[in-house]
N, C-alpha and C. Protein backbone atom coordinates (compact mmCIF):
# COMPACT_ATOMS: atom_id res chain seq x y z
N MET A 1 93.05 -58.48 -44.36
CA MET A 1 92.10 -57.51 -44.06
C MET A 1 90.78 -57.96 -44.98
N TYR A 2 91.04 -58.11 -46.20
CA TYR A 2 89.89 -58.42 -47.09
C TYR A 2 89.43 -59.72 -46.99
N GLY A 3 90.50 -60.70 -46.55
CA GLY A 3 89.90 -62.07 -46.23
C GLY A 3 89.05 -62.12 -45.09
N GLY A 4 89.27 -61.36 -44.10
CA GLY A 4 88.40 -61.31 -42.93
C GLY A 4 87.03 -60.64 -43.13
N ALA A 5 87.04 -59.74 -44.21
CA ALA A 5 85.74 -59.04 -44.59
C ALA A 5 84.84 -60.14 -45.43
N ALA A 6 85.61 -61.02 -46.26
CA ALA A 6 84.90 -62.01 -46.96
C ALA A 6 84.44 -62.92 -46.04
N LEU A 7 85.16 -63.39 -44.94
CA LEU A 7 84.68 -64.33 -44.00
C LEU A 7 83.51 -63.91 -43.43
N LEU A 8 83.38 -62.50 -42.85
CA LEU A 8 82.15 -61.87 -42.36
C LEU A 8 81.11 -61.79 -43.24
N ALA A 9 81.23 -61.66 -44.50
CA ALA A 9 80.23 -61.72 -45.39
C ALA A 9 79.63 -63.13 -45.57
N ALA A 10 80.48 -63.98 -45.65
CA ALA A 10 79.94 -65.32 -45.57
C ALA A 10 79.14 -65.87 -44.42
N ILE A 11 79.71 -65.39 -43.33
CA ILE A 11 78.87 -65.70 -42.11
C ILE A 11 77.46 -64.99 -41.98
N SER A 12 77.54 -63.65 -42.47
CA SER A 12 76.21 -63.16 -42.42
C SER A 12 75.26 -63.65 -43.52
N GLY A 13 75.88 -64.04 -44.57
CA GLY A 13 75.00 -64.72 -45.66
C GLY A 13 74.47 -66.04 -45.17
N ALA A 14 75.28 -66.84 -44.50
CA ALA A 14 74.91 -68.13 -44.07
C ALA A 14 73.82 -68.12 -43.02
N ILE A 15 73.96 -67.04 -42.20
CA ILE A 15 72.81 -66.90 -41.04
C ILE A 15 71.63 -66.58 -41.75
N LEU A 16 71.56 -65.77 -42.85
CA LEU A 16 70.32 -65.48 -43.40
C LEU A 16 69.53 -66.59 -44.17
N LEU A 17 70.32 -67.75 -44.39
CA LEU A 17 69.74 -68.91 -45.09
C LEU A 17 68.91 -69.73 -43.94
N ALA A 18 69.11 -69.49 -42.83
CA ALA A 18 68.19 -70.12 -41.66
C ALA A 18 66.75 -69.30 -41.76
N ASP A 19 65.81 -70.30 -41.53
CA ASP A 19 64.44 -69.74 -41.32
C ASP A 19 64.08 -68.96 -40.10
N VAL A 20 64.57 -69.58 -39.00
CA VAL A 20 64.23 -69.05 -37.63
C VAL A 20 65.70 -69.09 -36.90
N PRO A 21 65.63 -68.25 -35.75
CA PRO A 21 66.80 -68.33 -34.96
C PRO A 21 66.84 -69.77 -34.24
N SER A 22 68.22 -70.17 -34.11
CA SER A 22 68.37 -71.42 -33.32
C SER A 22 69.58 -71.18 -32.40
N VAL A 23 69.97 -72.04 -31.54
CA VAL A 23 70.99 -71.85 -30.76
C VAL A 23 72.42 -71.71 -31.49
N TRP A 24 72.43 -72.39 -32.77
CA TRP A 24 73.70 -72.33 -33.56
C TRP A 24 73.58 -71.16 -34.64
N VAL A 25 72.51 -70.74 -34.72
CA VAL A 25 72.27 -69.60 -35.69
C VAL A 25 71.43 -68.52 -34.96
N PRO A 26 71.84 -67.69 -34.02
CA PRO A 26 71.06 -66.91 -33.18
C PRO A 26 70.51 -65.53 -33.95
N MET A 27 70.95 -65.35 -35.10
CA MET A 27 70.59 -64.14 -35.99
C MET A 27 70.76 -62.87 -35.23
N PRO A 28 71.91 -62.22 -35.45
CA PRO A 28 72.23 -60.93 -34.74
C PRO A 28 71.05 -59.89 -35.11
N LEU A 29 70.71 -59.13 -34.21
CA LEU A 29 69.69 -58.05 -34.39
C LEU A 29 69.92 -57.15 -35.63
N PRO A 30 71.26 -56.53 -35.66
CA PRO A 30 71.57 -55.67 -36.80
C PRO A 30 71.45 -56.28 -38.11
N ILE A 31 71.80 -57.50 -38.22
CA ILE A 31 71.66 -58.30 -39.43
C ILE A 31 70.29 -58.52 -39.78
N MET A 32 69.55 -58.87 -38.80
CA MET A 32 68.07 -59.06 -39.07
C MET A 32 67.35 -57.82 -39.55
N LEU A 33 67.73 -56.72 -38.91
CA LEU A 33 67.03 -55.31 -39.08
C LEU A 33 67.50 -55.04 -40.55
N ALA A 34 68.85 -55.21 -41.02
CA ALA A 34 69.24 -54.90 -42.30
C ALA A 34 68.64 -55.88 -43.28
N ALA A 35 68.39 -57.07 -42.95
CA ALA A 35 67.79 -57.99 -43.94
C ALA A 35 66.17 -57.54 -44.17
N ILE A 36 65.63 -57.04 -43.16
CA ILE A 36 64.30 -56.66 -43.29
C ILE A 36 64.18 -55.49 -44.37
N ILE A 37 65.17 -54.53 -44.16
CA ILE A 37 65.11 -53.43 -45.05
C ILE A 37 65.43 -54.07 -46.48
N THR A 38 66.49 -54.64 -46.65
CA THR A 38 67.02 -55.23 -47.95
C THR A 38 68.06 -56.30 -47.77
N LEU A 39 68.01 -57.32 -48.51
CA LEU A 39 68.83 -58.52 -48.25
C LEU A 39 70.29 -58.01 -48.53
N LYS A 40 70.52 -57.23 -49.35
CA LYS A 40 71.97 -56.93 -50.08
C LYS A 40 72.66 -56.12 -48.94
N ILE A 41 71.95 -55.28 -48.16
CA ILE A 41 72.63 -54.48 -47.01
C ILE A 41 73.08 -55.42 -45.93
N SER A 42 72.28 -56.38 -45.67
CA SER A 42 72.58 -57.26 -44.51
C SER A 42 73.82 -57.99 -44.84
N LEU A 43 74.26 -58.31 -45.87
CA LEU A 43 75.44 -59.13 -46.28
C LEU A 43 76.73 -58.20 -46.07
N ILE A 44 76.60 -56.86 -46.08
CA ILE A 44 77.84 -56.02 -46.15
C ILE A 44 78.00 -55.19 -44.77
N VAL A 45 76.95 -55.32 -43.72
CA VAL A 45 77.07 -54.46 -42.56
C VAL A 45 78.32 -54.76 -41.76
N THR A 46 78.55 -55.95 -41.23
CA THR A 46 79.65 -56.18 -40.58
C THR A 46 80.86 -56.15 -41.32
N PRO A 47 81.00 -56.78 -42.50
CA PRO A 47 82.30 -56.56 -43.31
C PRO A 47 82.72 -55.05 -43.50
N VAL A 48 81.80 -54.18 -43.80
CA VAL A 48 82.16 -52.82 -43.93
C VAL A 48 82.59 -52.21 -42.66
N LEU A 49 81.93 -52.42 -41.58
CA LEU A 49 82.44 -51.94 -40.23
C LEU A 49 83.75 -52.49 -39.98
N TYR A 50 84.00 -53.81 -40.22
CA TYR A 50 85.22 -54.38 -39.94
C TYR A 50 86.45 -53.53 -40.85
N LEU A 51 86.18 -53.35 -42.10
CA LEU A 51 87.08 -52.77 -42.95
C LEU A 51 87.34 -51.40 -42.35
N VAL A 52 86.30 -50.55 -42.01
CA VAL A 52 86.58 -49.23 -41.53
C VAL A 52 87.41 -49.26 -40.22
N VAL A 53 87.13 -50.21 -39.29
CA VAL A 53 87.81 -50.14 -38.06
C VAL A 53 89.26 -50.48 -38.35
N VAL A 54 89.50 -51.61 -39.10
CA VAL A 54 90.84 -51.97 -39.48
C VAL A 54 91.59 -50.76 -40.26
N LYS A 55 90.95 -50.19 -41.34
CA LYS A 55 91.64 -49.15 -41.95
C LYS A 55 92.04 -47.99 -41.23
N LEU A 56 91.10 -47.64 -40.25
CA LEU A 56 91.24 -46.33 -39.50
C LEU A 56 92.11 -46.51 -38.34
N SER A 57 92.21 -47.72 -37.71
CA SER A 57 92.91 -47.81 -36.56
C SER A 57 94.08 -48.75 -36.58
N SER A 58 94.24 -49.43 -37.63
CA SER A 58 95.38 -50.56 -37.61
C SER A 58 96.68 -49.95 -37.75
N GLN A 59 96.83 -48.70 -38.15
CA GLN A 59 98.17 -48.05 -38.35
C GLN A 59 98.46 -47.39 -36.98
N SER A 60 97.58 -47.25 -36.07
CA SER A 60 97.88 -46.59 -34.83
C SER A 60 98.65 -47.64 -34.02
N THR A 61 99.60 -46.94 -33.25
CA THR A 61 100.41 -47.65 -32.14
C THR A 61 99.53 -48.29 -31.01
N HIS A 62 98.34 -47.70 -30.95
CA HIS A 62 97.47 -48.16 -29.86
C HIS A 62 96.42 -49.13 -30.43
N PHE A 63 96.59 -49.80 -31.59
CA PHE A 63 95.64 -50.52 -32.23
C PHE A 63 95.05 -51.68 -31.21
N ALA A 64 95.94 -52.36 -30.51
CA ALA A 64 95.52 -53.30 -29.52
C ALA A 64 94.64 -52.76 -28.38
N LYS A 65 95.01 -51.64 -27.91
CA LYS A 65 94.08 -50.84 -26.98
C LYS A 65 92.79 -50.58 -27.49
N ILE A 66 92.69 -50.09 -28.73
CA ILE A 66 91.51 -49.75 -29.45
C ILE A 66 90.50 -51.11 -29.59
N VAL A 67 91.17 -52.14 -29.99
CA VAL A 67 90.37 -53.46 -29.98
C VAL A 67 89.93 -53.83 -28.57
N LEU A 68 90.80 -53.72 -27.66
CA LEU A 68 90.32 -53.98 -26.29
C LEU A 68 89.12 -53.20 -25.76
N ALA A 69 89.23 -51.81 -26.15
CA ALA A 69 88.20 -50.96 -25.83
C ALA A 69 86.86 -51.38 -26.53
N LEU A 70 86.97 -51.65 -27.76
CA LEU A 70 85.76 -52.06 -28.62
C LEU A 70 85.18 -53.23 -28.05
N VAL A 71 86.13 -54.37 -27.78
CA VAL A 71 85.47 -55.53 -27.11
C VAL A 71 84.87 -55.27 -25.81
N ALA A 72 85.38 -54.39 -24.91
CA ALA A 72 84.95 -54.11 -23.68
C ALA A 72 83.55 -53.45 -23.73
N VAL A 73 83.47 -52.45 -24.61
CA VAL A 73 82.30 -51.51 -24.81
C VAL A 73 81.10 -52.42 -25.42
N LEU A 74 81.37 -53.14 -26.49
CA LEU A 74 80.41 -53.99 -27.08
C LEU A 74 80.05 -55.12 -26.29
N GLY A 75 80.86 -55.63 -25.46
CA GLY A 75 80.54 -56.73 -24.49
C GLY A 75 79.61 -56.24 -23.52
N ALA A 76 79.94 -54.96 -22.87
CA ALA A 76 79.03 -54.40 -21.93
C ALA A 76 77.72 -54.07 -22.40
N LEU A 77 77.78 -53.56 -23.66
CA LEU A 77 76.40 -53.33 -24.41
C LEU A 77 75.46 -54.61 -24.65
N ASN A 78 76.22 -55.60 -24.94
CA ASN A 78 75.69 -56.91 -25.22
C ASN A 78 75.05 -57.43 -23.96
N ILE A 79 75.66 -57.25 -22.72
CA ILE A 79 75.13 -57.64 -21.42
C ILE A 79 73.89 -56.86 -21.22
N ILE A 80 73.87 -55.58 -21.32
CA ILE A 80 72.70 -54.73 -21.20
C ILE A 80 71.51 -55.14 -22.07
N TYR A 81 71.97 -55.48 -23.41
CA TYR A 81 70.94 -55.95 -24.26
C TYR A 81 70.30 -57.24 -23.75
N PHE A 82 71.00 -58.13 -23.25
CA PHE A 82 70.36 -59.33 -22.79
C PHE A 82 69.50 -59.19 -21.51
N GLN A 83 70.09 -58.21 -20.81
CA GLN A 83 69.19 -57.83 -19.55
C GLN A 83 67.73 -57.53 -19.96
N ASN A 84 67.80 -56.45 -21.06
CA ASN A 84 66.58 -55.92 -21.52
C ASN A 84 65.70 -56.84 -22.41
N ALA A 85 66.36 -57.86 -23.04
CA ALA A 85 65.66 -58.58 -23.92
C ALA A 85 65.33 -60.01 -23.43
N TRP A 86 65.88 -60.25 -22.14
CA TRP A 86 65.54 -61.64 -21.61
C TRP A 86 64.20 -62.12 -21.66
N GLU A 87 63.31 -61.33 -21.26
CA GLU A 87 61.79 -61.86 -21.10
C GLU A 87 61.28 -62.15 -22.61
N TYR A 88 61.72 -61.19 -23.53
CA TYR A 88 61.27 -61.58 -24.90
C TYR A 88 61.91 -62.98 -25.41
N GLY A 89 63.12 -63.14 -25.14
CA GLY A 89 63.88 -64.34 -25.36
C GLY A 89 63.18 -65.65 -24.74
N VAL A 90 62.77 -65.45 -23.49
CA VAL A 90 62.14 -66.61 -22.89
C VAL A 90 60.71 -66.77 -23.50
N THR A 91 60.08 -65.77 -23.69
CA THR A 91 58.59 -65.81 -24.23
C THR A 91 58.68 -66.42 -25.76
N TYR A 92 59.42 -65.80 -26.66
CA TYR A 92 59.35 -66.02 -28.01
C TYR A 92 60.28 -67.25 -28.40
N GLN A 93 61.50 -67.28 -27.85
CA GLN A 93 62.49 -68.23 -28.22
C GLN A 93 62.60 -69.44 -27.39
N GLY A 94 62.18 -69.31 -26.06
CA GLY A 94 62.13 -70.37 -24.98
C GLY A 94 63.23 -70.15 -24.07
N PRO A 95 63.20 -70.69 -23.00
CA PRO A 95 64.30 -70.37 -21.88
C PRO A 95 65.63 -71.10 -22.23
N GLU A 96 65.51 -72.39 -22.81
CA GLU A 96 66.76 -73.15 -23.09
C GLU A 96 67.55 -72.21 -24.24
N HIS A 97 66.87 -71.84 -25.24
CA HIS A 97 67.54 -71.10 -26.40
C HIS A 97 68.19 -69.84 -25.79
N THR A 98 67.37 -69.12 -25.04
CA THR A 98 67.88 -67.82 -24.40
C THR A 98 69.15 -68.01 -23.75
N ARG A 99 69.16 -69.13 -22.82
CA ARG A 99 70.18 -69.43 -21.99
C ARG A 99 71.46 -69.84 -22.73
N ILE A 100 71.30 -70.72 -23.67
CA ILE A 100 72.52 -71.17 -24.53
C ILE A 100 72.99 -69.99 -25.33
N VAL A 101 72.05 -69.28 -25.92
CA VAL A 101 72.75 -68.06 -26.72
C VAL A 101 73.38 -67.09 -25.77
N ALA A 102 72.96 -66.79 -24.59
CA ALA A 102 73.70 -66.00 -23.61
C ALA A 102 74.89 -66.65 -23.30
N ILE A 103 75.18 -67.93 -23.14
CA ILE A 103 76.40 -68.50 -22.79
C ILE A 103 77.36 -68.42 -23.83
N GLU A 104 76.93 -68.67 -25.18
CA GLU A 104 77.62 -68.42 -26.33
C GLU A 104 78.35 -67.06 -26.41
N ASN A 105 77.46 -66.06 -26.05
CA ASN A 105 77.95 -64.67 -26.12
C ASN A 105 78.84 -64.48 -25.02
N MET A 106 78.66 -64.98 -23.79
CA MET A 106 79.60 -64.84 -22.67
C MET A 106 80.83 -65.35 -23.02
N MET A 107 80.86 -66.60 -23.45
CA MET A 107 82.16 -67.24 -23.88
C MET A 107 82.84 -66.57 -24.99
N GLY A 108 82.06 -66.22 -26.02
CA GLY A 108 82.74 -65.49 -27.20
C GLY A 108 83.26 -64.10 -26.75
N PHE A 109 82.54 -63.30 -25.92
CA PHE A 109 83.08 -62.08 -25.63
C PHE A 109 84.22 -62.33 -24.53
N GLY A 110 84.13 -63.26 -23.75
CA GLY A 110 85.21 -63.54 -22.84
C GLY A 110 86.58 -63.98 -23.70
N ALA A 111 86.38 -64.75 -24.63
CA ALA A 111 87.56 -65.13 -25.40
C ALA A 111 88.15 -63.93 -26.10
N ALA A 112 87.39 -63.05 -26.74
CA ALA A 112 87.68 -61.93 -27.44
C ALA A 112 88.34 -60.93 -26.54
N LEU A 113 87.84 -60.78 -25.24
CA LEU A 113 88.50 -59.89 -24.30
C LEU A 113 89.70 -60.40 -23.89
N GLY A 114 89.97 -61.73 -23.76
CA GLY A 114 91.09 -62.31 -23.20
C GLY A 114 92.20 -62.04 -24.29
N MET A 115 91.73 -62.34 -25.65
CA MET A 115 92.72 -62.20 -26.79
C MET A 115 93.27 -60.73 -26.88
N ALA A 116 92.32 -59.92 -26.61
CA ALA A 116 92.58 -58.25 -26.80
C ALA A 116 93.43 -57.87 -25.58
N PHE A 117 93.19 -58.47 -24.46
CA PHE A 117 93.91 -58.15 -23.25
C PHE A 117 95.38 -58.63 -23.40
N VAL A 118 95.60 -59.88 -23.85
CA VAL A 118 97.03 -60.45 -23.99
C VAL A 118 97.66 -59.58 -25.17
N ALA A 119 96.98 -59.31 -26.25
CA ALA A 119 97.45 -58.56 -27.28
C ALA A 119 98.03 -57.27 -26.90
N THR A 120 97.36 -56.53 -25.87
CA THR A 120 97.70 -55.34 -25.49
C THR A 120 98.85 -55.52 -24.56
N ALA A 121 98.84 -56.65 -23.61
CA ALA A 121 99.99 -56.67 -22.69
C ALA A 121 101.20 -57.05 -23.42
N LYS A 122 101.18 -57.94 -24.42
CA LYS A 122 102.41 -58.38 -25.11
C LYS A 122 102.76 -57.42 -26.34
N LYS A 123 101.98 -56.52 -26.67
CA LYS A 123 102.12 -55.61 -27.65
C LYS A 123 102.15 -56.53 -29.13
N SER A 124 101.32 -57.35 -29.14
CA SER A 124 101.13 -58.36 -30.35
C SER A 124 100.20 -57.95 -31.49
N SER A 125 100.77 -57.28 -32.45
CA SER A 125 99.80 -56.95 -33.53
C SER A 125 98.90 -58.02 -34.18
N SER A 126 99.54 -59.26 -34.37
CA SER A 126 98.89 -60.26 -35.01
C SER A 126 97.78 -60.74 -33.89
N LEU A 127 97.99 -60.86 -32.76
CA LEU A 127 96.82 -61.22 -31.88
C LEU A 127 95.80 -60.10 -31.71
N ALA A 128 96.28 -58.91 -31.74
CA ALA A 128 95.15 -57.70 -31.87
C ALA A 128 94.34 -57.88 -33.09
N TYR A 129 95.09 -58.15 -34.29
CA TYR A 129 94.17 -58.42 -35.55
C TYR A 129 93.20 -59.71 -35.29
N SER A 130 93.67 -60.67 -34.70
CA SER A 130 92.95 -61.87 -34.48
C SER A 130 91.58 -61.49 -33.54
N ALA A 131 91.98 -60.84 -32.56
CA ALA A 131 90.98 -60.34 -31.49
C ALA A 131 89.92 -59.59 -32.21
N ASN A 132 90.42 -58.53 -33.00
CA ASN A 132 89.50 -57.66 -33.79
C ASN A 132 88.51 -58.49 -34.73
N LEU A 133 89.11 -59.54 -35.54
CA LEU A 133 88.47 -60.27 -36.39
C LEU A 133 87.39 -61.19 -35.61
N PHE A 134 87.73 -61.66 -34.44
CA PHE A 134 87.02 -62.47 -33.67
C PHE A 134 85.77 -61.71 -33.21
N LEU A 135 86.01 -60.41 -32.68
CA LEU A 135 84.92 -59.61 -32.36
C LEU A 135 83.99 -59.50 -33.38
N PHE A 136 84.42 -59.21 -34.54
CA PHE A 136 83.42 -58.98 -35.72
C PHE A 136 82.80 -60.31 -36.14
N VAL A 137 83.39 -61.43 -35.97
CA VAL A 137 82.63 -62.58 -36.25
C VAL A 137 81.59 -62.76 -35.27
N LEU A 138 81.76 -62.56 -33.92
CA LEU A 138 80.78 -62.50 -32.93
C LEU A 138 79.65 -61.60 -33.37
N LEU A 139 79.95 -60.35 -33.82
CA LEU A 139 78.94 -59.36 -34.35
C LEU A 139 78.12 -59.95 -35.47
N SER A 140 78.80 -60.72 -36.27
CA SER A 140 77.98 -61.31 -37.36
C SER A 140 77.28 -62.63 -37.07
N TRP A 141 77.68 -63.27 -36.03
CA TRP A 141 77.06 -64.53 -35.70
C TRP A 141 76.02 -64.53 -34.50
N CYS A 142 76.54 -64.10 -33.32
CA CYS A 142 75.61 -64.29 -32.23
C CYS A 142 75.48 -63.08 -31.22
N ALA A 143 76.16 -61.89 -31.45
CA ALA A 143 76.08 -60.77 -30.46
C ALA A 143 74.83 -60.18 -30.82
N PHE A 144 74.16 -59.64 -29.81
CA PHE A 144 72.92 -58.89 -29.98
C PHE A 144 71.79 -59.72 -30.70
N PRO A 145 71.64 -61.08 -30.27
CA PRO A 145 70.78 -61.90 -31.04
C PRO A 145 69.23 -61.47 -31.01
N TRP A 146 68.62 -61.86 -32.14
CA TRP A 146 67.15 -61.52 -32.16
C TRP A 146 66.51 -62.40 -31.23
N LEU A 147 65.81 -61.91 -30.11
CA LEU A 147 65.18 -62.76 -29.10
C LEU A 147 63.67 -62.40 -29.03
N GLY A 148 63.21 -61.69 -29.91
CA GLY A 148 61.76 -61.44 -29.99
C GLY A 148 61.04 -62.21 -31.06
N GLU A 149 59.80 -61.61 -31.21
CA GLU A 149 58.94 -62.45 -32.13
C GLU A 149 59.42 -62.11 -33.54
N LEU A 150 59.40 -63.09 -34.42
CA LEU A 150 59.83 -62.95 -35.83
C LEU A 150 58.92 -62.27 -36.61
N PRO A 151 59.63 -61.23 -37.41
CA PRO A 151 58.74 -60.32 -38.21
C PRO A 151 58.03 -61.09 -39.33
C-alpha cells in the first residue's frame, strides 16, 4: 500500500520536471492545477487518494467490484473529457499529440478495465490491488491530460 503511494508520488514528481506536455508526459489536469496552486500539494494528490481508496475499501469483500466501478466511471469521465477538450488539444498541443495521448488513455483504461474485470470474475484480491494501483498510475501519468494553453 505505501509502496504504491510512493510510486505515485514519484510519478507525479517526475511529471512536474517536464516543462511542457509531451506524448510521454501528458501532465494530468488535476496535477497541473495542484502544481499551479502549490508544488507540494501536486506531489501528494494521487498518492493520498490512492491510500484513501485502499484504506476504506480493501477490507471489503467487494473490493474488486469497487475497483471495477472506479475504473469504469473514471474511464467514462476521461472519454467525456477528451470529447470536450479535443479542440483545445488540437489547437494548443497539435493533432498528433492529442491523438497519441488519447490512444495512451484508451489502452491504459482498457488494460485497467480488463484487469479489474478478471479480478472480479476470479475473485483475485492481488489482481484487484494491481488494477487499483494501475488506475492510479494512469491518474498520475496520463488521464485527464492538460490539452489547453499552458499557464
